[in-house]
């Protein structure tokens, strides 16, 4: 029997959850500049499948590579590593402006 290959795993922060069953995740990586030998931060935004729509903006999630689910979606949310802190100060201000 043939062993299945390991899928890539990345950790990132949810930027948007406005689509149905889809979240946009920002994945940061560091790369070494070839000439100046300085480490630079690079960010990639990927669309990931969130079956239960339980991710919120600001959550830190673990995403896993999978088969193509749509034109842009090739990742799925494996688990939520850390929940975003709920902003309780915004609610009273919103009630005053309404």
PDB file of N, CA and C in Angstrom:
ATOM      1  N   UNK A   1       0.825  -1.180   0.000  1.00  0.00           N
ATOM      2  CA  UNK A   1       0.000   0.000   0.000  1.00  0.00           C
ATOM      3  C   UNK A   1       0.874   1.250   0.000  1.00  0.00           C
ATOM      4  N   UNK A   2       0.452   2.221  -0.738  1.00  0.00           N
ATOM      5  CA  UNK A   2       1.235   3.435  -0.902  1.00  0.00           C
ATOM      6  C   UNK A   2       0.939   4.430   0.224  1.00  0.00           C
ATOM      7  N   UNK A   3       1.978   5.026   0.792  1.00  0.00           N
ATOM      8  CA  UNK A   3       1.786   6.012   1.857  1.00  0.00           C
ATOM      9  C   UNK A   3       1.372   7.347   1.251  1.00  0.00           C
ATOM     10  N   UNK A   4       0.421   7.993   1.895  1.00  0.00           N
ATOM     11  CA  UNK A   4      -0.023   9.301   1.409  1.00  0.00           C
ATOM     12  C   UNK A   4       1.017  10.347   1.765  1.00  0.00           C
ATOM     13  N   UNK A   5       1.143  11.329   0.888  1.00  0.00           N
ATOM     14  CA  UNK A   5       2.146  12.355   1.145  1.00  0.00           C
ATOM     15  C   UNK A   5       1.658  13.330   2.219  1.00  0.00           C
ATOM     16  N   UNK A   6       2.592  13.946   2.884  1.00  0.00           N
ATOM     17  CA  UNK A   6       2.256  14.912   3.932  1.00  0.00           C
ATOM     18  C   UNK A   6       1.816  16.218   3.279  1.00  0.00           C
ATOM     19  N   UNK A   7       0.798  16.818   3.831  1.00  0.00           N
ATOM     20  CA  UNK A   7       0.304  18.081   3.309  1.00  0.00           C
ATOM     21  C   UNK A   7       0.983  19.242   4.036  1.00  0.00           C
ATOM     22  N   UNK A   8       1.077  20.358   3.347  1.00  0.00           N
ATOM     23  CA  UNK A   8       1.671  21.545   3.953  1.00  0.00           C
ATOM     24  C   UNK A   8       0.733  22.082   5.018  1.00  0.00           C
ATOM     25  N   UNK A   9       1.301  22.601   6.094  1.00  0.00           N
ATOM     26  CA  UNK A   9       0.541  23.247   7.154  1.00  0.00           C
ATOM     27  C   UNK A   9       1.109  24.638   7.350  1.00  0.00           C
ATOM     28  N   UNK A  10       0.240  25.604   7.503  1.00  0.00           N
ATOM     29  CA  UNK A  10       0.653  26.978   7.752  1.00  0.00           C
ATOM     30  C   UNK A  10      -0.210  27.544   8.877  1.00  0.00           C
ATOM     31  N   UNK A  11       0.336  28.516   9.595  1.00  0.00           N
ATOM     32  CA  UNK A  11      -0.419  29.188  10.639  1.00  0.00           C
ATOM     33  C   UNK A  11      -0.573  30.640  10.228  1.00  0.00           C
ATOM     34  N   UNK A  12      -1.770  31.186  10.421  1.00  0.00           N
ATOM     35  CA  UNK A  12      -2.008  32.559  10.017  1.00  0.00           C
ATOM     36  C   UNK A  12      -3.152  33.190  10.780  1.00  0.00           C
ATOM     37  N   UNK A  13      -3.457  34.437  10.415  1.00  0.00           N
ATOM     38  CA  UNK A  13      -4.504  35.211  11.081  1.00  0.00           C
ATOM     39  C   UNK A  13      -5.635  35.455  10.093  1.00  0.00           C
ATOM     40  N   UNK A  14      -6.872  35.290  10.564  1.00  0.00           N
ATOM     41  CA  UNK A  14      -8.042  35.489   9.715  1.00  0.00           C
ATOM     42  C   UNK A  14      -8.234  36.988   9.473  1.00  0.00           C
ATOM     43  N   UNK A  15      -8.276  37.389   8.204  1.00  0.00           N
ATOM     44  CA  UNK A  15      -8.488  38.791   7.838  1.00  0.00           C
ATOM     45  C   UNK A  15      -9.954  39.078   7.523  1.00  0.00           C
ATOM     46  N   UNK A  16     -10.652  38.100   6.932  1.00  0.00           N
ATOM     47  CA  UNK A  16     -12.033  38.307   6.513  1.00  0.00           C
ATOM     48  C   UNK A  16     -12.804  37.004   6.618  1.00  0.00           C
ATOM     49  N   UNK A  17     -14.082  37.118   7.021  1.00  0.00           N
ATOM     50  CA  UNK A  17     -14.955  35.950   7.067  1.00  0.00           C
ATOM     51  C   UNK A  17     -16.323  36.285   6.457  1.00  0.00           C
ATOM     52  N   UNK A  18     -16.342  37.167   5.480  1.00  0.00           N
ATOM     53  CA  UNK A  18     -17.586  37.640   4.891  1.00  0.00           C
ATOM     54  C   UNK A  18     -18.203  36.673   3.880  1.00  0.00           C
ATOM     55  N   UNK A  19     -17.425  35.712   3.401  1.00  0.00           N
ATOM     56  CA  UNK A  19     -17.952  34.737   2.445  1.00  0.00           C
ATOM     57  C   UNK A  19     -18.530  33.531   3.184  1.00  0.00           C
ATOM     58  N   UNK A  20     -19.370  32.787   2.499  1.00  0.00           N
ATOM     59  CA  UNK A  20     -19.953  31.587   3.097  1.00  0.00           C
ATOM     60  C   UNK A  20     -18.928  30.454   3.075  1.00  0.00           C
ATOM     61  N   UNK A  21     -18.633  29.913   4.236  1.00  0.00           N
ATOM     62  CA  UNK A  21     -17.713  28.781   4.409  1.00  0.00           C
ATOM     63  C   UNK A  21     -16.305  29.061   3.902  1.00  0.00           C
ATOM     64  N   UNK A  22     -15.930  30.314   3.779  1.00  0.00           N
ATOM     65  CA  UNK A  22     -14.594  30.682   3.310  1.00  0.00           C
ATOM     66  C   UNK A  22     -14.040  31.813   4.160  1.00  0.00           C
ATOM     67  N   UNK A  23     -12.775  31.720   4.517  1.00  0.00           N
ATOM     68  CA  UNK A  23     -12.091  32.793   5.233  1.00  0.00           C
ATOM     69  C   UNK A  23     -10.819  33.145   4.474  1.00  0.00           C
ATOM     70  N   UNK A  24     -10.391  34.390   4.616  1.00  0.00           N
ATOM     71  CA  UNK A  24      -9.119  34.820   4.044  1.00  0.00           C
ATOM     72  C   UNK A  24      -8.117  34.872   5.187  1.00  0.00           C
ATOM     73  N   UNK A  25      -7.003  34.158   5.018  1.00  0.00           N
ATOM     74  CA  UNK A  25      -5.998  34.021   6.058  1.00  0.00           C
ATOM     75  C   UNK A  25      -4.691  34.641   5.580  1.00  0.00           C
ATOM     76  N   UNK A  26      -4.087  35.469   6.428  1.00  0.00           N
ATOM     77  CA  UNK A  26      -2.781  36.065   6.127  1.00  0.00           C
ATOM     78  C   UNK A  26      -1.700  35.187   6.761  1.00  0.00           C
ATOM     79  N   UNK A  27      -0.810  34.663   5.911  1.00  0.00           N
ATOM     80  CA  UNK A  27       0.279  33.805   6.372  1.00  0.00           C
ATOM     81  C   UNK A  27       1.566  34.589   6.226  1.00  0.00           C
ATOM     82  N   UNK A  28       2.294  34.759   7.341  1.00  0.00           N
ATOM     83  CA  UNK A  28       3.553  35.504   7.311  1.00  0.00           C
ATOM     84  C   UNK A  28       4.729  34.544   7.291  1.00  0.00           C
ATOM     85  N   UNK A  29       5.771  34.925   6.546  1.00  0.00           N
ATOM     86  CA  UNK A  29       7.003  34.141   6.507  1.00  0.00           C
ATOM     87  C   UNK A  29       8.164  35.115   6.475  1.00  0.00           C
ATOM     88  N   UNK A  30       9.334  34.658   6.849  1.00  0.00           N
ATOM     89  CA  UNK A  30      10.527  35.496   6.797  1.00  0.00           C
ATOM     90  C   UNK A  30      11.455  34.945   5.721  1.00  0.00           C
ATOM     91  N   UNK A  31      12.023  35.852   4.937  1.00  0.00           N
ATOM     92  CA  UNK A  31      12.967  35.475   3.894  1.00  0.00           C
ATOM     93  C   UNK A  31      14.256  36.266   4.093  1.00  0.00           C
ATOM     94  N   UNK A  32      15.346  35.642   3.747  1.00  0.00           N
ATOM     95  CA  UNK A  32      16.651  36.286   3.870  1.00  0.00           C
ATOM     96  C   UNK A  32      16.968  37.022   2.580  1.00  0.00           C
ATOM     97  N   UNK A  33      17.311  38.315   2.684  1.00  0.00           N
ATOM     98  CA  UNK A  33      17.694  39.084   1.507  1.00  0.00           C
ATOM     99  C   UNK A  33      19.039  38.558   1.007  1.00  0.00           C
ATOM    100  N   UNK A  34      19.138  38.268  -0.307  1.00  0.00           N
ATOM    101  CA  UNK A  34      20.371  37.640  -0.804  1.00  0.00           C
ATOM    102  C   UNK A  34      21.621  38.511  -0.681  1.00  0.00           C
ATOM    103  N   UNK A  35      21.473  39.804  -0.827  1.00  0.00           N
ATOM    104  CA  UNK A  35      22.654  40.672  -0.795  1.00  0.00           C
ATOM    105  C   UNK A  35      22.934  41.218   0.599  1.00  0.00           C
ATOM    106  N   UNK A  36      21.888  41.736   1.265  1.00  0.00           N
ATOM    107  CA  UNK A  36      22.090  42.445   2.530  1.00  0.00           C
ATOM    108  C   UNK A  36      21.959  41.545   3.754  1.00  0.00           C
ATOM    109  N   UNK A  37      21.567  40.277   3.547  1.00  0.00           N
ATOM    110  CA  UNK A  37      21.484  39.288   4.627  1.00  0.00           C
ATOM    111  C   UNK A  37      20.578  39.740   5.774  1.00  0.00           C
ATOM    112  N   UNK A  38      19.554  40.473   5.453  1.00  0.00           N
ATOM    113  CA  UNK A  38      18.588  40.918   6.453  1.00  0.00           C
ATOM    114  C   UNK A  38      17.311  40.099   6.270  1.00  0.00           C
ATOM    115  N   UNK A  39      16.684  39.736   7.367  1.00  0.00           N
ATOM    116  CA  UNK A  39      15.438  38.985   7.284  1.00  0.00           C
ATOM    117  C   UNK A  39      14.273  39.936   7.068  1.00  0.00           C
ATOM    118  N   UNK A  40      13.437  39.628   6.076  1.00  0.00           N
ATOM    119  CA  UNK A  40      12.292  40.453   5.728  1.00  0.00           C
ATOM    120  C   UNK A  40      11.012  39.660   5.932  1.00  0.00           C
ATOM    121  N   UNK A  41       9.945  40.345   6.331  1.00  0.00           N
ATOM    122  CA  UNK A  41       8.646  39.698   6.493  1.00  0.00           C
ATOM    123  C   UNK A  41       7.890  39.760   5.177  1.00  0.00           C
ATOM    124  N   UNK A  42       7.342  38.649   4.780  1.00  0.00           N
ATOM    125  CA  UNK A  42       6.509  38.583   3.583  1.00  0.00           C
ATOM    126  C   UNK A  42       5.168  37.983   3.984  1.00  0.00           C
ATOM    127  N   UNK A  43       4.088  38.524   3.422  1.00  0.00           N
ATOM    128  CA  UNK A  43       2.751  38.067   3.780  1.00  0.00           C
ATOM    129  C   UNK A  43       2.018  37.581   2.543  1.00  0.00           C
ATOM    130  N   UNK A  44       1.352  36.449   2.675  1.00  0.00           N
ATOM    131  CA  UNK A  44       0.551  35.876   1.601  1.00  0.00           C
ATOM    132  C   UNK A  44      -0.881  35.730   2.097  1.00  0.00           C
ATOM    133  N   UNK A  45      -1.835  36.153   1.277  1.00  0.00           N
ATOM    134  CA  UNK A  45      -3.239  35.992   1.632  1.00  0.00           C
ATOM    135  C   UNK A  45      -3.796  34.805   0.855  1.00  0.00           C
ATOM    136  N   UNK A  46      -4.363  33.839   1.576  1.00  0.00           N
ATOM    137  CA  UNK A  46      -4.943  32.658   0.939  1.00  0.00           C
ATOM    138  C   UNK A  46      -6.383  32.497   1.395  1.00  0.00           C
ATOM    139  N   UNK A  47      -7.187  31.867   0.528  1.00  0.00           N
ATOM    140  CA  UNK A  47      -8.565  31.547   0.881  1.00  0.00           C
ATOM    141  C   UNK A  47      -8.590  30.126   1.418  1.00  0.00           C
ATOM    142  N   UNK A  48      -9.265  29.956   2.558  1.00  0.00           N
ATOM    143  CA  UNK A  48      -9.326  28.644   3.193  1.00  0.00           C
ATOM    144  C   UNK A  48     -10.777  28.277   3.464  1.00  0.00           C
ATOM    145  N   UNK A  49     -11.067  26.982   3.387  1.00  0.00           N
ATOM    146  CA  UNK A  49     -12.421  26.470   3.592  1.00  0.00           C
ATOM    147  C   UNK A  49     -12.685  26.316   5.086  1.00  0.00           C
ATOM    148  N   UNK A  50     -13.762  26.928   5.562  1.00  0.00           N
ATOM    149  CA  UNK A  50     -14.192  26.849   6.958  1.00  0.00           C
ATOM    150  C   UNK A  50     -15.588  26.247   6.960  1.00  0.00           C
ATOM    151  N   UNK A  51     -15.686  24.944   7.100  1.00  0.00           N
ATOM    152  CA  UNK A  51     -16.947  24.214   6.913  1.00  0.00           C
ATOM    153  C   UNK A  51     -18.054  24.691   7.855  1.00  0.00           C
ATOM    154  N   UNK A  52     -17.730  24.941   9.122  1.00  0.00           N
ATOM    155  CA  UNK A  52     -18.760  25.308  10.100  1.00  0.00           C
ATOM    156  C   UNK A  52     -18.898  26.816  10.269  1.00  0.00           C
ATOM    157  N   UNK A  53     -18.144  27.590   9.537  1.00  0.00           N
ATOM    158  CA  UNK A  53     -18.159  29.064   9.631  1.00  0.00           C
ATOM    159  C   UNK A  53     -17.982  29.535  11.069  1.00  0.00           C
ATOM    160  N   UNK A  54     -16.993  28.978  11.756  1.00  0.00           N
ATOM    161  CA  UNK A  54     -16.785  29.343  13.149  1.00  0.00           C
ATOM    162  C   UNK A  54     -15.594  30.278  13.366  1.00  0.00           C
ATOM    163  N   UNK A  55     -14.860  30.618  12.321  1.00  0.00           N
ATOM    164  CA  UNK A  55     -13.726  31.533  12.449  1.00  0.00           C
ATOM    165  C   UNK A  55     -14.207  32.974  12.469  1.00  0.00           C
ATOM    166  N   UNK A  56     -13.545  33.785  13.299  1.00  0.00           N
ATOM    167  CA  UNK A  56     -13.841  35.207  13.368  1.00  0.00           C
ATOM    168  C   UNK A  56     -12.589  35.987  12.979  1.00  0.00           C
ATOM    169  N   UNK A  57     -12.773  37.253  12.651  1.00  0.00           N
ATOM    170  CA  UNK A  57     -11.645  38.101  12.265  1.00  0.00           C
ATOM    171  C   UNK A  57     -10.682  38.221  13.445  1.00  0.00           C
ATOM    172  N   UNK A  58      -9.399  38.010  13.176  1.00  0.00           N
ATOM    173  CA  UNK A  58      -8.375  38.110  14.209  1.00  0.00           C
ATOM    174  C   UNK A  58      -7.979  36.780  14.824  1.00  0.00           C
ATOM    175  N   UNK A  59      -8.725  35.715  14.534  1.00  0.00           N
ATOM    176  CA  UNK A  59      -8.377  34.394  15.059  1.00  0.00           C
ATOM    177  C   UNK A  59      -7.085  33.899  14.432  1.00  0.00           C
ATOM    178  N   UNK A  60      -6.268  33.209  15.223  1.00  0.00           N
ATOM    179  CA  UNK A  60      -5.078  32.543  14.696  1.00  0.00           C
ATOM    180  C   UNK A  60      -5.481  31.106  14.395  1.00  0.00           C
ATOM    181  N   UNK A  61      -5.287  30.689  13.137  1.00  0.00           N
ATOM    182  CA  UNK A  61      -5.747  29.375  12.706  1.00  0.00           C
ATOM    183  C   UNK A  61      -4.619  28.577  12.068  1.00  0.00           C
ATOM    184  N   UNK A  62      -4.801  27.256  12.065  1.00  0.00           N
ATOM    185  CA  UNK A  62      -3.894  26.346  11.388  1.00  0.00           C
ATOM    186  C   UNK A  62      -4.599  25.883  10.129  1.00  0.00           C
ATOM    187  N   UNK A  63      -3.974  26.111   8.960  1.00  0.00           N
ATOM    188  CA  UNK A  63      -4.582  25.704   7.696  1.00  0.00           C
ATOM    189  C   UNK A  63      -3.738  24.599   7.070  1.00  0.00           C
ATOM    190  N   UNK A  64      -4.418  23.706   6.335  1.00  0.00           N
ATOM    191  CA  UNK A  64      -3.774  22.545   5.727  1.00  0.00           C
ATOM    192  C   UNK A  64      -4.076  22.551   4.241  1.00  0.00           C
ATOM    193  N   UNK A  65      -3.076  22.215   3.446  1.00  0.00           N
ATOM    194  CA  UNK A  65      -3.239  22.135   1.999  1.00  0.00           C
ATOM    195  C   UNK A  65      -4.197  20.989   1.655  1.00  0.00           C
ATOM    196  N   UNK A  66      -5.053  21.199   0.647  1.00  0.00           N
ATOM    197  CA  UNK A  66      -5.984  20.149   0.222  1.00  0.00           C
ATOM    198  C   UNK A  66      -6.200  20.254  -1.286  1.00  0.00           C
ATOM    199  N   UNK A  67      -7.070  19.404  -1.797  1.00  0.00           N
ATOM    200  CA  UNK A  67      -7.367  19.430  -3.226  1.00  0.00           C
ATOM    201  C   UNK A  67      -8.068  20.745  -3.565  1.00  0.00           C
ATOM    202  N   UNK A  68      -8.084  21.182  -4.820  1.00  0.00           N
ATOM    203  CA  UNK A  68      -8.784  22.415  -5.176  1.00  0.00           C
ATOM    204  C   UNK A  68     -10.283  22.310  -4.906  1.00  0.00           C
ATOM    205  N   UNK A  69     -10.801  23.226  -4.093  1.00  0.00           N
ATOM    206  CA  UNK A  69     -12.216  23.250  -3.753  1.00  0.00           C
ATOM    207  C   UNK A  69     -12.984  24.237  -4.619  1.00  0.00           C
ATOM    208  N   UNK A  70     -12.288  25.230  -5.142  1.00  0.00           N
ATOM    209  CA  UNK A  70     -12.863  26.191  -6.079  1.00  0.00           C
ATOM    210  C   UNK A  70     -11.708  26.783  -6.868  1.00  0.00           C
ATOM    211  N   UNK A  71     -11.976  27.852  -7.595  1.00  0.00           N
ATOM    212  CA  UNK A  71     -10.916  28.442  -8.425  1.00  0.00           C
ATOM    213  C   UNK A  71      -9.744  28.938  -7.581  1.00  0.00           C
ATOM    214  N   UNK A  72     -10.024  29.514  -6.405  1.00  0.00           N
ATOM    215  CA  UNK A  72      -8.979  30.105  -5.571  1.00  0.00           C
ATOM    216  C   UNK A  72      -8.698  29.335  -4.283  1.00  0.00           C
ATOM    217  N   UNK A  73      -9.570  28.429  -3.899  1.00  0.00           N
ATOM    218  CA  UNK A  73      -9.484  27.779  -2.591  1.00  0.00           C
ATOM    219  C   UNK A  73      -8.738  26.455  -2.678  1.00  0.00           C
ATOM    220  N   UNK A  74      -7.546  26.408  -2.024  1.00  0.00           N
ATOM    221  CA  UNK A  74      -6.762  25.180  -1.989  1.00  0.00           C
ATOM    222  C   UNK A  74      -6.328  24.829  -0.568  1.00  0.00           C
ATOM    223  N   UNK A  75      -6.896  25.472   0.414  1.00  0.00           N
ATOM    224  CA  UNK A  75      -6.561  25.259   1.819  1.00  0.00           C
ATOM    225  C   UNK A  75      -7.856  25.061   2.608  1.00  0.00           C
ATOM    226  N   UNK A  76      -7.746  24.372   3.752  1.00  0.00           N
ATOM    227  CA  UNK A  76      -8.888  24.256   4.654  1.00  0.00           C
ATOM    228  C   UNK A  76      -8.418  24.520   6.071  1.00  0.00           C
ATOM    229  N   UNK A  77      -9.314  25.038   6.902  1.00  0.00           N
ATOM    230  CA  UNK A  77      -8.979  25.340   8.289  1.00  0.00           C
ATOM    231  C   UNK A  77      -8.951  24.031   9.057  1.00  0.00           C
ATOM    232  N   UNK A  78      -7.813  23.716   9.663  1.00  0.00           N
ATOM    233  CA  UNK A  78      -7.672  22.492  10.434  1.00  0.00           C
ATOM    234  C   UNK A  78      -8.156  22.699  11.861  1.00  0.00           C
ATOM    235  N   UNK A  79      -7.665  23.770  12.504  1.00  0.00           N
ATOM    236  CA  UNK A  79      -8.136  24.079  13.850  1.00  0.00           C
ATOM    237  C   UNK A  79      -7.869  25.542  14.162  1.00  0.00           C
ATOM    238  N   UNK A  80      -8.608  26.040  15.138  1.00  0.00           N
ATOM    239  CA  UNK A  80      -8.417  27.407  15.615  1.00  0.00           C
ATOM    240  C   UNK A  80      -7.436  27.343  16.778  1.00  0.00           C
ATOM    241  N   UNK A  81      -6.278  27.938  16.591  1.00  0.00           N
ATOM    242  CA  UNK A  81      -5.228  27.886  17.596  1.00  0.00           C
ATOM    243  C   UNK A  81      -5.529  28.859  18.728  1.00  0.00           C
ATOM    244  N   UNK A  82      -5.942  30.080  18.366  1.00  0.00           N
ATOM    245  CA  UNK A  82      -6.183  31.120  19.365  1.00  0.00           C
ATOM    246  C   UNK A  82      -7.331  32.000  18.899  1.00  0.00           C
ATOM    247  N   UNK A  83      -8.265  32.265  19.798  1.00  0.00           N
ATOM    248  CA  UNK A  83      -9.395  33.127  19.484  1.00  0.00           C
ATOM    249  C   UNK A  83      -8.987  34.590  19.588  1.00  0.00           C
ATOM    250  N   UNK A  84      -9.637  35.438  18.789  1.00  0.00           N
ATOM    251  CA  UNK A  84      -9.388  36.873  18.854  1.00  0.00           C
ATOM    252  C   UNK A  84     -10.043  37.423  20.111  1.00  0.00           C
ATOM    253  N   UNK A  85      -9.456  38.456  20.674  1.00  0.00           N
ATOM    254  CA  UNK A  85     -10.011  39.094  21.859  1.00  0.00           C
ATOM    255  C   UNK A  85     -11.215  39.913  21.436  1.00  0.00           C
ATOM    256  N   UNK A  86     -12.350  39.696  22.096  1.00  0.00           N
ATOM    257  CA  UNK A  86     -13.575  40.437  21.772  1.00  0.00           C
ATOM    258  C   UNK A  86     -13.422  41.883  22.214  1.00  0.00           C
ATOM    259  N   UNK A  87     -13.776  42.801  21.335  1.00  0.00           N
ATOM    260  CA  UNK A  87     -13.654  44.227  21.621  1.00  0.00           C
ATOM    261  C   UNK A  87     -14.960  44.715  22.239  1.00  0.00           C
ATOM    262  N   UNK A  88     -14.967  44.915  23.554  1.00  0.00           N
ATOM    263  CA  UNK A  88     -16.188  45.329  24.244  1.00  0.00           C
ATOM    264  C   UNK A  88     -16.363  46.853  24.246  1.00  0.00           C
ATOM    265  N   UNK A  89     -15.328  47.598  23.903  1.00  0.00           N
ATOM    266  CA  UNK A  89     -15.427  49.058  23.921  1.00  0.00           C
ATOM    267  C   UNK A  89     -16.171  49.596  22.704  1.00  0.00           C
ATOM    268  N   UNK A  90     -16.251  48.836  21.622  1.00  0.00           N
ATOM    269  CA  UNK A  90     -16.876  49.314  20.392  1.00  0.00           C
ATOM    270  C   UNK A  90     -18.407  49.293  20.490  1.00  0.00           C
ATOM    271  N   UNK A  91     -18.967  48.406  21.279  1.00  0.00           N
ATOM    272  CA  UNK A  91     -20.426  48.261  21.354  1.00  0.00           C
ATOM    273  C   UNK A  91     -21.133  49.504  21.896  1.00  0.00           C
ATOM    274  N   UNK A  92     -20.699  50.132  23.005  1.00  0.00           N
ATOM    275  CA  UNK A  92     -21.398  51.322  23.488  1.00  0.00           C
ATOM    276  C   UNK A  92     -21.289  52.505  22.527  1.00  0.00           C
ATOM    277  N   UNK A  93     -20.168  52.657  21.837  1.00  0.00           N
ATOM    278  CA  UNK A  93     -19.997  53.749  20.888  1.00  0.00           C
ATOM    279  C   UNK A  93     -20.940  53.584  19.695  1.00  0.00           C
ATOM    280  N   UNK A  94     -21.140  52.365  19.265  1.00  0.00           N
ATOM    281  CA  UNK A  94     -22.024  52.108  18.124  1.00  0.00           C
ATOM    282  C   UNK A  94     -23.470  52.442  18.472  1.00  0.00           C
ATOM    283  N   UNK A  95     -23.857  52.229  19.724  1.00  0.00           N
ATOM    284  CA  UNK A  95     -25.232  52.523  20.139  1.00  0.00           C
ATOM    285  C   UNK A  95     -25.477  54.032  20.183  1.00  0.00           C
ATOM    286  N   UNK A  96     -24.441  54.810  20.483  1.00  0.00           N
ATOM    287  CA  UNK A  96     -24.598  56.273  20.544  1.00  0.00           C
ATOM    288  C   UNK A  96     -24.760  56.891  19.168  1.00  0.00           C
ATOM    289  N   UNK A  97     -24.082  56.327  18.171  1.00  0.00           N
ATOM    290  CA  UNK A  97     -24.134  56.917  16.839  1.00  0.00           C
ATOM    291  C   UNK A  97     -25.389  56.502  16.067  1.00  0.00           C
ATOM    292  N   UNK A  98     -26.032  55.428  16.476  1.00  0.00           N
ATOM    293  CA  UNK A  98     -27.220  54.941  15.755  1.00  0.00           C
ATOM    294  C   UNK A  98     -28.447  55.775  16.022  1.00  0.00           C
TER     295      UNK A  98
END
